[in-house]
Amino acid sequence: MINLLDETIEEMSSNGYSFSDVKFIGSSDGLYSCSVEGFMTLANRTYDNGFGAPKVAQDLVIVFAEGSSMYRHEYDGAESWRHSLVFSERDKTVPIKSLFAQCVGWECLSEINGAYK
């Protein structure tokens, strides 16, 4: 079991980032987004990041001001953050209301947040 907010802070810190460096938090297609404060509230939750279905939205990304990003990764059921240098931002986004799968797992932000419409 791990807290998503603590996991995120640790991963950012180990790569020289903090929340003050964040430009965008949302879906990898840029459609869904939330503020840093919104993310901190939504992510302050413990989940099982071990083997089995991923609980955190698979398309969640955090983009930093200089253009690099962190994205969710799943391998054989274990989930974590990975880093990338590519992200395309949209002009308009949909607010994120939840980061966690409601059913089995392997869900994207559009599937998770569609239930909150």
Protein backbone atom coordinates (compact mmCIF):
# COMPACT_ATOMS: atom_id res chain seq x y z
CA MET A 1 0.00 0.00 0.00
CA ILE A 2 1.22 3.49 -0.87
CA ASN A 3 -0.14 7.03 -0.78
CA LEU A 4 -0.28 8.52 -4.30
CA LEU A 5 0.58 12.03 -3.11
CA ASP A 6 3.62 10.81 -1.15
CA GLU A 7 4.70 8.64 -4.10
CA THR A 8 4.39 11.62 -6.45
CA ILE A 9 6.33 13.99 -4.18
CA GLU A 10 9.11 11.42 -3.75
CA GLU A 11 9.34 10.77 -7.51
CA MET A 12 9.39 14.49 -8.33
CA SER A 13 11.99 15.19 -5.66
CA SER A 14 14.29 12.38 -6.81
CA ASN A 15 14.27 13.97 -10.29
CA GLY A 16 14.82 17.55 -9.10
CA TYR A 17 11.21 18.79 -9.32
CA SER A 18 8.59 20.09 -6.93
CA PHE A 19 4.97 21.17 -7.35
CA SER A 20 6.19 24.72 -8.04
CA ASP A 21 7.66 23.38 -11.31
CA VAL A 22 4.33 21.90 -12.50
CA LYS A 23 2.67 23.39 -15.59
CA PHE A 24 -0.11 20.82 -16.19
CA ILE A 25 -1.69 17.83 -14.41
CA GLY A 26 -4.19 15.73 -16.30
CA SER A 27 -4.71 13.17 -19.02
CA SER A 28 -2.03 12.36 -21.59
CA ASP A 29 -4.32 13.58 -24.37
CA GLY A 30 -4.60 16.95 -22.57
CA LEU A 31 -8.40 16.80 -22.30
CA TYR A 32 -8.76 16.34 -18.51
CA SER A 33 -6.91 18.53 -16.02
CA CYS A 34 -6.77 19.74 -12.45
CA SER A 35 -4.81 22.31 -10.47
CA VAL A 36 -1.87 21.39 -8.27
CA GLU A 37 -4.08 21.99 -5.23
CA GLY A 38 -6.81 19.80 -6.72
CA PHE A 39 -4.30 17.05 -7.44
CA MET A 40 -2.92 17.20 -3.91
CA THR A 41 -6.42 16.70 -2.52
CA LEU A 42 -7.37 13.92 -4.96
CA ALA A 43 -4.01 12.12 -4.68
CA ASN A 44 -3.88 12.07 -0.88
CA ARG A 45 -5.18 8.51 -0.85
CA THR A 46 -3.61 5.13 -0.13
CA TYR A 47 -3.87 2.46 -2.81
CA ASP A 48 -2.35 -0.93 -3.64
CA ASN A 49 0.36 -0.31 -6.25
CA GLY A 50 1.42 -3.96 -6.29
CA PHE A 51 0.45 -6.70 -8.67
CA GLY A 52 -3.14 -6.75 -9.97
CA ALA A 53 -5.21 -4.18 -11.80
CA PRO A 54 -3.80 -0.61 -11.72
CA LYS A 55 -5.88 1.66 -9.51
CA VAL A 56 -4.61 5.09 -10.66
CA ALA A 57 -5.75 6.41 -14.05
CA GLN A 58 -3.42 5.00 -16.70
CA ASP A 59 -3.28 8.23 -18.69
CA LEU A 60 -2.37 10.55 -15.80
CA VAL A 61 0.55 12.89 -16.54
CA ILE A 62 2.32 15.71 -14.74
CA VAL A 63 4.03 18.19 -17.06
CA PHE A 64 6.77 20.50 -15.84
CA ALA A 65 7.38 24.06 -16.99
CA GLU A 66 10.47 23.15 -19.04
CA GLY A 67 8.48 20.53 -20.99
CA SER A 68 9.37 17.16 -19.47
CA SER A 69 6.68 15.05 -17.84
CA MET A 70 5.91 12.15 -15.53
CA TYR A 71 3.35 9.57 -16.61
CA ARG A 72 1.77 6.50 -15.06
CA HIS A 73 3.26 3.18 -16.02
CA GLU A 74 2.06 -0.35 -15.38
CA TYR A 75 4.03 -3.53 -15.82
CA ASP A 76 2.54 -6.89 -14.96
CA GLY A 77 0.08 -5.19 -12.63
CA ALA A 78 2.59 -3.10 -10.65
CA GLU A 79 2.18 0.65 -11.22
CA SER A 80 4.51 3.62 -10.82
CA TRP A 81 5.64 6.91 -12.36
CA ARG A 82 7.94 7.14 -15.43
CA HIS A 83 9.43 10.16 -17.21
CA SER A 84 9.11 11.49 -20.76
CA LEU A 85 10.05 14.58 -22.73
CA VAL A 86 6.96 14.86 -24.97
CA PHE A 87 3.53 16.33 -24.20
CA SER A 88 0.98 18.35 -26.19
CA GLU A 89 -1.25 20.74 -24.25
CA ARG A 90 -4.84 21.65 -25.21
CA ASP A 91 -6.50 25.04 -25.02
CA LYS A 92 -9.55 23.73 -23.12
CA THR A 93 -9.77 20.89 -20.59
CA VAL A 94 -12.35 19.00 -18.51
CA PRO A 95 -11.94 19.15 -14.70
CA ILE A 96 -10.74 15.97 -12.98
CA LYS A 97 -12.90 14.77 -10.10
CA SER A 98 -11.16 11.45 -9.36
CA LEU A 99 -7.80 9.82 -10.14
CA PHE A 100 -8.73 6.29 -9.10
CA ALA A 101 -10.50 3.45 -10.96
CA GLN A 102 -14.06 2.85 -9.86
CA CYS A 103 -14.33 -0.76 -10.98
CA VAL A 104 -11.72 -3.32 -11.97
CA GLY A 105 -8.82 -1.08 -12.98
CA TRP A 106 -6.95 -0.22 -16.20
CA GLU A 107 -9.17 2.86 -16.56
CA CYS A 108 -8.31 6.23 -18.13
CA LEU A 109 -9.33 9.61 -16.74
CA SER A 110 -12.14 9.87 -19.29
CA GLU A 111 -13.61 6.56 -18.08
CA ILE A 112 -13.15 7.38 -14.39
CA ASN A 113 -14.49 10.91 -14.61
CA GLY A 114 -17.33 10.08 -16.97
CA ALA A 115 -19.06 8.52 -13.96
CA TYR A 116 -19.02 11.92 -12.23
CA LYS A 117 -20.88 13.86 -14.96
